[in-house]
Structure formats: C-alpha cells, structure tokens
Amino acid sequence: MAIIAKGHHHTASSTSRSKTSLSNIRLILLLLTSFLFGIAICSALFLWQAHLTDPSLTTLHHVNHIPINANINANDNANGISQPLPPKGGVRYHSLENQDASDSSSSSSSSILDGLKVLVTIASYDFMQLPHLEEVLDGFQDLCYAGSMVDVVVHTTVIYPVAVIDMLNDRMRCNNPSPKAGLTMTFILKPSSVRLHLVDFHRTMFYDRIDQYDLFVYTEDDIRITPTTIAAYLHETNRVQSLLGPVRSTDFNVGIVRYEYDFPENVVITDKTRHATENVTRVYWEHLGKPIFEKAVKRVHDPTLAPYYVSMNLHHQGMYLATPYQLKAWKDRKNCEFDRVRDRPSAKNNPSQPSEGTQRVWMSSQMLYGSKHCAVTQLLPVENFGQLTVLHLPNKNYRRVGKQGRLGG
C-alpha cells in the first residue's frame, strides 16, 4: 500500500509540472500573437495616413463637382452668365491625330476612350425633362469611368436649386483613379427670351475651345449617349479617314439613329400586367418608309464607302459628334460656314414658318447634312449599325407618326 501511495504522489507532481509548462507556452504564444497583431494595426494606420496625405497615392483624380454659384440671376447679364470650366490641373493634353510614338506604344492595349478629352454641350430649357437629363448625365459619367476626361456644359434658362446641385454633386462623382479621366459639369444660365435659340450657344463654344478637346458632342436633353456610342463613332471616323484620306473624309460624318420602345398605351405595368411588354421592341419611328432601301435608307454614292456604309433619307438626329479636324474643315467649306450661328431657313411667303425644320433641327442636323448647305453626307455603318443607335428617352414620338402631318422630334 505504501508503495502504491508513493507512486501515486510521484504521478500527481509530474502532472502539475506539465500543466505549468503548457500554461507558459500558451501565455508566450498569446503574447506573440498580440504583438504581431499590434504591428499589423500600426502598419495599417500608417499606410492609411500616407494614403490621405500623399496625392500620388490617392484614388480620386480630377473629380470636380458642379459649382454652386453656377446659378446666377439672368438679369445680371442679358446674354446669360457662364460658369467657366474648372481647370485641368496637371493633365497633359494631346490629340488623337498627333499622339507621339511613346504614347502610342505605351497605350497600344488601352481603350480608344482612354484619355479622350470630350466637351459635351446639352440644351435643356427648363425642368420639364429633368428625369431624362439625369439619364443623359449618367451616360457621360459612364464615359468618365471608361477612361475619358469629360467636361459637360448644360445651357438652361432656369435657376437650379441648391438642393438639385447638391444631389448632382453626390450622384455624378467619377472615382476613376486614372489621371487621364475625370468629369466636370457647368450650368450656363441664359434668359428665357432665347426660346428655341438655346440650341445655338454650343456652336461658338466649340470653336472657341477647338484646340482643347479630341471630340465635341452636342445633344438635346433626352438622348441617351453611352461610351459605346462614342467609341463606335471614333472607330468609324478613323475607318473613313483610312479609306479616303483626311481631306476627303470631311465630306462625310458618322451619324446616329434614334429609336424608342413601343410600350403599350394605357397600360400601367405591375406584376399582374408585366406580360404586356413581352412584344415591346425598338421603333425607328423617323425611318418607317417601305421598302426600306428606297424610302428610309439610301446608298452612299462614293464607291469606296458604298460597301460599308448607308445613309438615312431623313437625317435629323437631335445631336451630332465631330472632331476638331472636321469642325475646322466645315468652317471653310463652301456654303457651310459651320461656325456661324444663323436662323433656320424660312418659308418664302411666310418667314415665321420654317422650310427645313425648326431651329433645333437646323442646328443639330439640317445645316450639316442639308444638300443646300454644308452637304456633308451622313454615314451609318452596315456592320455596326446598332452601336450608333441611341434611345430617345421620352418614348412618345412613335405614337405621333402619321398624326397632324408630322413625325415629331
């Protein structure tokens, strides 16, 4: 019994020492883990502080917000008051036509939109189409995220409330980290008495800034333009130049075609009625003539371009795109004077009535494509036709086809 008791005492003492050793090991591991975790936390805080203070590490480049003071009473200036575009900071300007070899080699794999400098002007008379304008602005925000430097100028006759400006400031941020991408917005207030001539002001701005941008876009406030639209235009424009050479290429311009969706009338779409949209499709309401290749679409007479492009019989677009090279050529083109703003042609016996469309039709399309004026031929690519079609956001004009003798616009 005594031997057994002795042996039992020896076992309990060994077990106690083992437990003490394990506790020490656990304590050491715990302290080591805490030390490493503390180093990680300190490193994270140090990197975050450096991120905030070092401009070269920040992810926000050239993000400019809508100036609050863009809203100035029109009475201060009968010709309207403009808020100048924010400066570009350290952005290096270049043109698509004159990129140096180093830029070309370093960006050979980049998008055609990467670093593209675009000036967009939008005619938006009042708040009646504000929801559509927001969609239009979203398209140009997408263009910034695609890599472009985009300056948007909105010509309007109404003062935008501070609340709306703040909302747009929040919604229109472009956090593209590239130093070659960015988005600015400017509202230019004009007196309401300009009426339909609100569409005129973009033209002078284009020519005043012709050497500052790679692409110019004019549009009404209800046309959804996407990065695809811009990229397709540039691709086809470069293709035409390669086929014809720079000089002859200015006899042509890549155009667009607007479409709407033929949603059913007098139907409120709910979970119970959503089946009503199953047959909805795109409607090119301005080009419904049949047969198509006689009444709606016409062939391009130039034999070099004919295999690849067509033109529309009705060339109204509500917008247009142009490069600086084209704008300069159209300024000096016979019967064109594209830089000179003027009234739309009037009916011979009734000057108050237009003979070739309203002022907005004149400024967006007819002056450029009309055979009596600039006579530039509108081109639509056969293969990439869908990429140069744009949504007319109101989705209402297709219902007016054939009514009151007009297509609507």
Protein backbone atom coordinates (compact mmCIF):
# COMPACT_ATOMS: atom_id res chain seq x y z
CA MET A 1 0.00 0.00 0.00
CA ALA A 2 2.81 2.38 0.84
CA ILE A 3 4.47 1.72 -2.49
CA ILE A 4 1.27 2.40 -4.27
CA ALA A 5 0.79 5.61 -2.34
CA LYS A 6 4.31 6.74 -3.22
CA GLY A 7 3.87 6.02 -6.84
CA HIS A 8 0.61 7.98 -6.91
CA HIS A 9 2.25 11.01 -5.30
CA HIS A 10 5.02 10.99 -7.96
CA THR A 11 2.46 10.95 -10.79
CA ALA A 12 0.50 13.94 -9.41
CA SER A 13 3.69 16.00 -9.09
CA SER A 14 4.65 15.30 -12.75
CA THR A 15 1.21 16.23 -13.98
CA SER A 16 1.34 19.54 -12.11
CA ARG A 17 4.67 20.46 -13.72
CA SER A 18 3.34 19.54 -17.19
CA LYS A 19 0.33 21.78 -16.72
CA THR A 20 2.60 24.65 -15.68
CA SER A 21 4.75 24.21 -18.81
CA LEU A 22 1.71 24.16 -21.10
CA SER A 23 0.36 27.31 -19.45
CA ASN A 24 3.64 29.11 -20.03
CA ILE A 25 3.67 28.05 -23.68
CA ARG A 26 0.10 29.27 -24.14
CA LEU A 27 0.98 32.57 -22.49
CA ILE A 28 4.02 33.04 -24.73
CA LEU A 29 2.00 32.27 -27.86
CA LEU A 30 -0.72 34.68 -26.76
CA LEU A 31 1.78 37.47 -26.16
CA LEU A 32 3.50 36.82 -29.51
CA THR A 33 0.14 36.86 -31.34
CA SER A 34 -0.86 40.10 -29.64
CA PHE A 35 2.48 41.68 -30.57
CA LEU A 36 2.13 40.71 -34.25
CA PHE A 37 -1.48 41.90 -34.33
CA GLY A 38 -0.40 45.25 -32.87
CA ILE A 39 2.28 45.64 -35.57
CA ALA A 40 -0.34 44.92 -38.26
CA ILE A 41 -2.73 47.53 -36.84
CA CYS A 42 0.03 50.17 -36.66
CA SER A 43 1.12 49.41 -40.23
CA ALA A 44 -2.45 49.75 -41.49
CA LEU A 45 -2.88 53.09 -39.73
CA PHE A 46 0.42 54.36 -41.13
CA LEU A 47 -0.50 53.37 -44.72
CA TRP A 48 -3.94 54.95 -44.39
CA GLN A 49 -2.42 58.22 -43.17
CA ALA A 50 0.04 58.19 -46.07
CA HIS A 51 -2.86 57.49 -48.46
CA LEU A 52 -4.68 60.57 -47.21
CA THR A 53 -1.74 62.93 -47.28
CA ASP A 54 0.17 61.84 -50.40
CA PRO A 55 -1.58 62.94 -53.65
CA SER A 56 0.28 60.28 -55.62
CA LEU A 57 -1.45 57.55 -53.61
CA THR A 58 -4.98 58.86 -53.64
CA THR A 59 -7.61 57.21 -55.87
CA LEU A 60 -9.53 60.40 -56.56
CA HIS A 61 -8.13 62.30 -59.53
CA HIS A 62 -9.72 65.22 -61.33
CA VAL A 63 -13.12 64.73 -59.75
CA ASN A 64 -14.80 68.10 -59.97
CA HIS A 65 -18.24 68.96 -58.71
CA ILE A 66 -20.93 71.19 -60.05
CA PRO A 67 -20.29 74.74 -58.87
CA ILE A 68 -22.96 76.01 -56.53
CA ASN A 69 -22.54 79.53 -57.86
CA ALA A 70 -23.46 78.42 -61.38
CA ASN A 71 -26.94 79.64 -60.56
CA ILE A 72 -26.83 83.38 -61.18
CA ASN A 73 -29.82 85.51 -61.94
CA ALA A 74 -30.18 86.08 -65.68
CA ASN A 75 -30.96 89.72 -65.03
CA ASP A 76 -27.27 90.26 -64.25
CA ASN A 77 -26.42 89.74 -67.90
CA ALA A 78 -28.85 89.85 -70.78
CA ASN A 79 -26.65 87.47 -72.74
CA GLY A 80 -26.51 84.92 -69.96
CA ILE A 81 -23.83 84.17 -67.41
CA SER A 82 -21.42 81.29 -67.71
CA GLN A 83 -19.50 79.48 -65.04
CA PRO A 84 -16.07 78.68 -66.54
CA LEU A 85 -14.99 75.08 -66.69
CA PRO A 86 -12.76 74.03 -63.80
CA PRO A 87 -9.04 73.87 -64.61
CA LYS A 88 -7.50 70.59 -65.63
CA GLY A 89 -4.68 70.66 -63.14
CA GLY A 90 -1.73 68.60 -64.34
CA VAL A 91 -3.49 66.79 -67.16
CA ARG A 92 -1.34 66.59 -70.28
CA TYR A 93 -3.24 67.50 -73.45
CA HIS A 94 -2.82 65.59 -76.65
CA SER A 95 -4.82 64.99 -79.81
CA LEU A 96 -5.80 61.69 -81.35
CA GLU A 97 -4.21 62.70 -84.63
CA ASN A 98 -0.88 63.77 -83.13
CA GLN A 99 -0.05 61.30 -80.38
CA ASP A 100 3.69 60.79 -80.13
CA ALA A 101 5.25 57.39 -80.58
CA SER A 102 5.88 56.84 -76.89
CA ASP A 103 2.21 57.42 -76.04
CA SER A 104 1.14 55.06 -78.81
CA SER A 105 3.46 52.30 -77.69
CA SER A 106 2.61 52.64 -74.01
CA SER A 107 -1.15 52.67 -74.59
CA SER A 108 -1.42 50.25 -77.51
CA SER A 109 -3.55 47.92 -75.43
CA SER A 110 -5.76 50.61 -73.91
CA SER A 111 -9.29 51.55 -74.91
CA ILE A 112 -9.99 54.07 -77.66
CA LEU A 113 -11.69 56.07 -74.91
CA ASP A 114 -8.68 56.13 -72.58
CA GLY A 115 -7.57 59.73 -72.01
CA LEU A 116 -10.01 61.08 -74.61
CA LYS A 117 -10.85 64.74 -73.91
CA VAL A 118 -14.53 65.37 -74.64
CA LEU A 119 -16.58 68.56 -74.50
CA VAL A 120 -20.31 67.86 -74.21
CA THR A 121 -22.94 70.59 -74.51
CA ILE A 122 -26.58 69.93 -73.66
CA ALA A 123 -29.54 72.19 -74.41
CA SER A 124 -32.03 71.81 -71.55
CA TYR A 125 -34.56 74.64 -71.48
CA ASP A 126 -36.25 74.01 -68.13
CA PHE A 127 -37.14 71.21 -65.68
CA MET A 128 -39.76 69.53 -67.88
CA GLN A 129 -37.29 66.83 -68.91
CA LEU A 130 -35.19 66.68 -65.75
CA PRO A 131 -35.59 62.87 -65.35
CA HIS A 132 -34.33 62.43 -68.92
CA LEU A 133 -31.47 64.85 -68.32
CA GLU A 134 -30.38 62.77 -65.34
CA GLU A 135 -30.21 59.70 -67.58
CA VAL A 136 -28.21 61.67 -70.16
CA LEU A 137 -25.73 62.76 -67.48
CA ASP A 138 -25.40 59.15 -66.30
CA GLY A 139 -24.20 58.24 -69.78
CA PHE A 140 -21.38 60.76 -69.60
CA GLN A 141 -20.48 59.62 -66.10
CA ASP A 142 -20.09 56.16 -67.62
CA LEU A 143 -17.79 57.72 -70.23
CA CYS A 144 -15.55 59.01 -67.42
CA TYR A 145 -15.40 55.54 -65.87
CA ALA A 146 -14.46 54.24 -69.33
CA GLY A 147 -11.33 56.40 -69.09
CA SER A 148 -12.21 59.74 -70.69
CA MET A 149 -11.86 63.30 -69.44
CA VAL A 150 -15.36 64.72 -69.86
CA ASP A 151 -16.50 68.33 -69.48
CA VAL A 152 -20.28 68.68 -69.57
CA VAL A 153 -21.87 72.10 -70.15
CA VAL A 154 -25.64 72.47 -69.76
CA HIS A 155 -27.29 75.52 -71.31
CA THR A 156 -30.52 76.31 -69.49
CA THR A 157 -32.94 79.16 -68.77
CA VAL A 158 -33.88 78.17 -65.21
CA ILE A 159 -32.01 78.51 -61.95
CA TYR A 160 -31.20 75.12 -60.48
CA PRO A 161 -31.94 74.99 -56.73
CA VAL A 162 -29.04 74.32 -54.40
CA ALA A 163 -30.71 71.04 -53.39
CA VAL A 164 -30.58 69.80 -57.00
CA ILE A 165 -26.97 70.94 -57.36
CA ASP A 166 -26.06 69.06 -54.16
CA MET A 167 -27.86 65.97 -55.41
CA LEU A 168 -25.96 66.05 -58.69
CA ASN A 169 -22.69 66.64 -56.86
CA ASP A 170 -23.27 63.43 -54.93
CA ARG A 171 -24.55 61.37 -57.84
CA MET A 172 -22.14 62.49 -60.55
CA ARG A 173 -18.83 61.76 -58.88
CA CYS A 174 -16.39 59.84 -61.05
CA ASN A 175 -13.87 57.92 -58.93
CA ASN A 176 -11.84 56.63 -61.84
CA PRO A 177 -8.26 56.58 -60.44
CA SER A 178 -6.67 57.32 -63.80
CA PRO A 179 -5.10 60.80 -64.02
CA LYS A 180 -6.37 60.95 -67.61
CA ALA A 181 -10.03 60.51 -66.59
CA GLY A 182 -12.41 62.96 -64.93
CA LEU A 183 -15.81 64.59 -65.04
CA THR A 184 -16.84 68.23 -64.64
CA MET A 185 -20.23 69.89 -65.01
CA THR A 186 -21.10 73.51 -65.65
CA PHE A 187 -24.52 75.15 -65.93
CA ILE A 188 -24.76 78.26 -68.09
CA LEU A 189 -27.81 80.38 -67.49
CA LYS A 190 -29.46 82.14 -70.42
CA PRO A 191 -32.52 84.43 -70.43
CA SER A 192 -35.78 82.64 -71.17
CA SER A 193 -36.34 85.00 -74.09
CA VAL A 194 -33.85 82.99 -76.17
CA ARG A 195 -36.52 80.30 -76.51
CA LEU A 196 -35.65 77.90 -79.34
CA HIS A 197 -32.31 79.63 -79.85
CA LEU A 198 -30.98 77.97 -76.71
CA VAL A 199 -29.61 75.37 -79.12
CA ASP A 200 -27.33 77.98 -80.74
CA PHE A 201 -24.87 78.61 -77.94
CA HIS A 202 -22.90 75.40 -78.21
CA ARG A 203 -21.50 76.24 -81.63
CA THR A 204 -19.47 79.27 -80.54
CA MET A 205 -18.17 77.35 -77.54
CA PHE A 206 -16.96 74.52 -79.80
CA TYR A 207 -14.93 76.86 -81.96
CA ASP A 208 -13.62 78.86 -79.01
CA ARG A 209 -12.20 75.65 -77.49
CA ILE A 210 -11.45 73.76 -80.67
CA ASP A 211 -7.82 73.01 -79.76
CA GLN A 212 -8.58 71.85 -76.21
CA TYR A 213 -10.52 68.65 -76.93
CA ASP A 214 -10.39 65.49 -79.03
CA LEU A 215 -14.15 65.24 -79.53
CA PHE A 216 -17.17 67.55 -79.38
CA VAL A 217 -20.70 66.37 -78.64
CA TYR A 218 -23.87 68.43 -78.91
CA THR A 219 -27.14 66.88 -77.79
CA GLU A 220 -30.63 67.63 -76.63
CA ASP A 221 -31.52 66.66 -73.07
CA ASP A 222 -33.43 63.45 -73.85
CA ILE A 223 -30.98 61.32 -75.84
CA ARG A 224 -29.08 58.54 -74.06
CA ILE A 225 -25.48 58.56 -75.29
CA THR A 226 -23.23 55.81 -73.98
CA PRO A 227 -19.50 55.05 -74.12
CA THR A 228 -20.39 52.57 -76.87
CA THR A 229 -21.82 55.42 -78.94
CA ILE A 230 -18.61 57.45 -78.56
CA ALA A 231 -16.27 54.52 -79.21
CA ALA A 232 -18.24 53.43 -82.30
CA TYR A 233 -18.18 56.96 -83.68
CA LEU A 234 -14.40 57.22 -83.25
CA HIS A 235 -13.84 53.77 -84.75
CA GLU A 236 -15.92 54.51 -87.84
CA THR A 237 -14.47 58.01 -88.24
CA ASN A 238 -10.94 56.59 -88.20
CA ARG A 239 -12.04 53.95 -90.71
CA VAL A 240 -13.42 56.57 -93.10
CA GLN A 241 -10.19 58.57 -92.82
CA SER A 242 -8.13 55.48 -93.60
CA LEU A 243 -10.30 54.72 -96.65
CA LEU A 244 -10.46 58.24 -98.10
CA GLY A 245 -7.65 60.20 -96.52
CA PRO A 246 -8.11 63.11 -94.07
CA VAL A 247 -9.18 65.75 -96.60
CA ARG A 248 -11.88 63.78 -98.42
CA SER A 249 -13.12 62.28 -95.16
CA THR A 250 -14.54 65.67 -94.11
CA ASP A 251 -17.16 65.32 -96.87
CA PHE A 252 -18.73 62.73 -94.56
CA ASN A 253 -19.69 62.38 -90.93
CA VAL A 254 -20.71 59.31 -88.98
CA GLY A 255 -24.27 59.83 -87.81
CA ILE A 256 -26.68 58.25 -85.36
CA VAL A 257 -30.27 56.99 -85.50
CA ARG A 258 -32.72 57.46 -82.65
CA TYR A 259 -35.16 54.79 -81.50
CA GLU A 260 -37.95 54.39 -78.95
CA TYR A 261 -39.68 51.41 -77.35
CA ASP A 262 -43.29 50.85 -78.39
CA PHE A 263 -44.71 50.33 -74.92
CA PRO A 264 -48.46 49.65 -74.89
CA GLU A 265 -50.71 52.63 -74.39
CA ASN A 266 -52.99 53.00 -71.37
CA VAL A 267 -51.37 50.11 -69.51
CA VAL A 268 -49.89 50.55 -66.06
CA ILE A 269 -47.11 47.99 -65.71
CA THR A 270 -47.50 45.99 -62.50
CA ASP A 271 -46.70 42.41 -61.51
CA LYS A 272 -50.06 41.41 -63.00
CA THR A 273 -49.62 43.30 -66.28
CA ARG A 274 -45.90 42.92 -66.93
CA HIS A 275 -46.65 40.40 -69.67
CA ALA A 276 -47.85 43.39 -71.73
CA THR A 277 -44.23 44.23 -72.53
CA GLU A 278 -43.27 40.84 -73.94
CA ASN A 279 -43.73 42.05 -77.51
CA VAL A 280 -42.23 45.51 -77.00
CA THR A 281 -39.44 46.29 -79.45
CA ARG A 282 -37.35 49.17 -80.72
CA VAL A 283 -39.04 51.50 -83.16
CA TYR A 284 -37.04 53.72 -85.52
CA TRP A 285 -40.03 55.99 -85.83
CA GLU A 286 -38.34 58.54 -88.08
CA HIS A 287 -37.43 55.89 -90.65
CA LEU A 288 -40.54 53.83 -91.27
CA GLY A 289 -40.70 54.17 -95.06
CA LYS A 290 -41.16 50.98 -97.07
CA PRO A 291 -39.46 49.50 -98.96
CA ILE A 292 -36.61 50.31 -96.63
CA PHE A 293 -33.93 50.79 -99.29
CA GLU A 294 -35.97 53.30 -101.19
CA LYS A 295 -37.93 55.19 -98.58
CA ALA A 296 -35.88 55.02 -95.37
CA VAL A 297 -32.28 54.11 -96.21
CA LYS A 298 -30.28 55.21 -99.22
CA ARG A 299 -27.00 54.03 -100.63
CA VAL A 300 -23.80 56.05 -100.38
CA HIS A 301 -22.63 57.08 -103.85
CA ASP A 302 -18.93 57.06 -103.07
CA PRO A 303 -17.69 53.70 -104.46
CA THR A 304 -15.05 53.34 -101.75
CA LEU A 305 -17.56 53.71 -98.92
CA ALA A 306 -20.61 52.09 -100.55
CA PRO A 307 -19.78 48.53 -99.44
CA TYR A 308 -19.59 49.58 -95.80
CA TYR A 309 -21.98 52.46 -95.20
CA VAL A 310 -25.51 53.68 -95.87
CA SER A 311 -27.26 56.97 -95.22
CA MET A 312 -30.74 57.82 -93.95
CA ASN A 313 -33.27 59.68 -96.09
CA LEU A 314 -34.30 61.66 -93.00
CA HIS A 315 -31.07 62.74 -91.37
CA HIS A 316 -32.46 64.53 -88.29
CA GLN A 317 -30.58 63.32 -85.23
CA GLY A 318 -31.20 65.80 -82.38
CA MET A 319 -27.42 65.67 -81.77
CA TYR A 320 -24.10 65.33 -83.53
CA LEU A 321 -20.48 64.46 -82.87
CA ALA A 322 -17.41 65.99 -84.50
CA THR A 323 -13.63 66.04 -84.18
CA PRO A 324 -11.60 69.28 -84.20
CA TYR A 325 -10.31 68.43 -87.67
CA GLN A 326 -13.85 68.17 -89.01
CA LEU A 327 -15.03 71.38 -87.36
CA LYS A 328 -12.14 73.30 -88.88
CA ALA A 329 -12.83 71.86 -92.33
CA TRP A 330 -16.57 72.64 -92.15
CA LYS A 331 -15.83 76.22 -91.15
CA ASP A 332 -14.13 76.80 -94.52
CA ARG A 333 -16.37 74.50 -96.56
CA LYS A 334 -18.30 76.05 -99.44
CA ASN A 335 -21.88 77.09 -98.48
CA CYS A 336 -21.28 75.77 -94.99
CA GLU A 337 -19.70 78.25 -92.53
CA PHE A 338 -20.45 75.82 -89.77
CA ASP A 339 -19.01 78.15 -87.16
CA ARG A 340 -21.54 80.88 -87.97
CA VAL A 341 -24.77 80.68 -85.97
CA ARG A 342 -27.81 81.72 -88.00
CA ASP A 343 -31.56 81.20 -88.22
CA ARG A 344 -33.11 78.18 -89.88
CA PRO A 345 -34.37 78.69 -93.46
CA SER A 346 -37.88 80.13 -93.63
CA ALA A 347 -40.81 79.58 -95.94
CA LYS A 348 -40.59 82.01 -98.85
CA ASN A 349 -44.00 83.60 -98.35
CA ASN A 350 -44.16 83.13 -94.59
CA PRO A 351 -40.88 83.89 -92.78
CA SER A 352 -42.30 82.84 -89.42
CA GLN A 353 -42.62 79.26 -90.67
CA PRO A 354 -39.55 77.05 -91.16
CA SER A 355 -38.99 75.50 -94.54
CA GLU A 356 -36.47 72.84 -93.45
CA GLY A 357 -37.28 72.16 -89.84
CA THR A 358 -37.18 74.13 -86.59
CA GLN A 359 -34.12 75.86 -85.16
CA ARG A 360 -33.11 72.79 -83.18
CA VAL A 361 -33.41 70.57 -86.28
CA TRP A 362 -31.35 73.14 -88.18
CA MET A 363 -28.55 73.34 -85.62
CA SER A 364 -28.31 69.61 -84.89
CA SER A 365 -28.68 68.17 -88.38
CA GLN A 366 -30.00 70.16 -91.32
CA MET A 367 -27.21 72.75 -91.58
CA LEU A 368 -24.63 69.97 -91.65
CA TYR A 369 -26.37 67.40 -93.83
CA GLY A 370 -28.72 69.54 -95.96
CA SER A 371 -27.83 69.48 -99.67
CA LYS A 372 -28.27 73.27 -99.94
CA HIS A 373 -25.94 73.96 -97.05
CA CYS A 374 -22.84 72.08 -95.84
CA ALA A 375 -23.90 69.00 -97.84
CA VAL A 376 -21.89 66.65 -95.65
CA THR A 377 -23.03 63.05 -96.20
CA GLN A 378 -24.30 61.22 -93.14
CA LEU A 379 -22.84 57.71 -92.75
CA LEU A 380 -24.23 54.72 -90.86
CA PRO A 381 -22.06 51.59 -90.81
CA VAL A 382 -23.75 48.46 -92.11
CA GLU A 383 -21.97 46.09 -89.72
CA ASN A 384 -22.03 48.29 -86.62
CA PHE A 385 -25.38 49.99 -87.19
CA GLY A 386 -26.74 49.04 -83.76
CA GLN A 387 -23.82 50.66 -81.95
CA LEU A 388 -24.77 54.04 -83.41
CA THR A 389 -28.43 53.94 -82.44
CA VAL A 390 -29.45 55.86 -79.31
CA LEU A 391 -32.52 55.77 -77.10
CA HIS A 392 -34.88 58.73 -77.30
CA LEU A 393 -35.87 58.67 -73.64
CA PRO A 394 -39.43 60.08 -73.78
CA ASN A 395 -40.70 57.01 -75.72
CA LYS A 396 -43.62 59.04 -77.06
CA ASN A 397 -42.91 60.21 -80.60
CA TYR A 398 -43.61 56.86 -82.26
CA ARG A 399 -47.25 57.33 -81.24
CA ARG A 400 -47.42 60.56 -83.27
CA VAL A 401 -46.33 59.04 -86.58
CA GLY A 402 -48.87 59.99 -89.21
CA LYS A 403 -50.74 62.36 -86.92
CA GLN A 404 -51.03 66.06 -87.71
CA GLY A 405 -48.77 65.56 -90.69
CA ARG A 406 -45.58 65.23 -88.67
CA LEU A 407 -43.18 62.70 -87.30
CA GLY A 408 -42.35 64.78 -84.26
CA GLY A 409 -38.96 65.23 -82.94
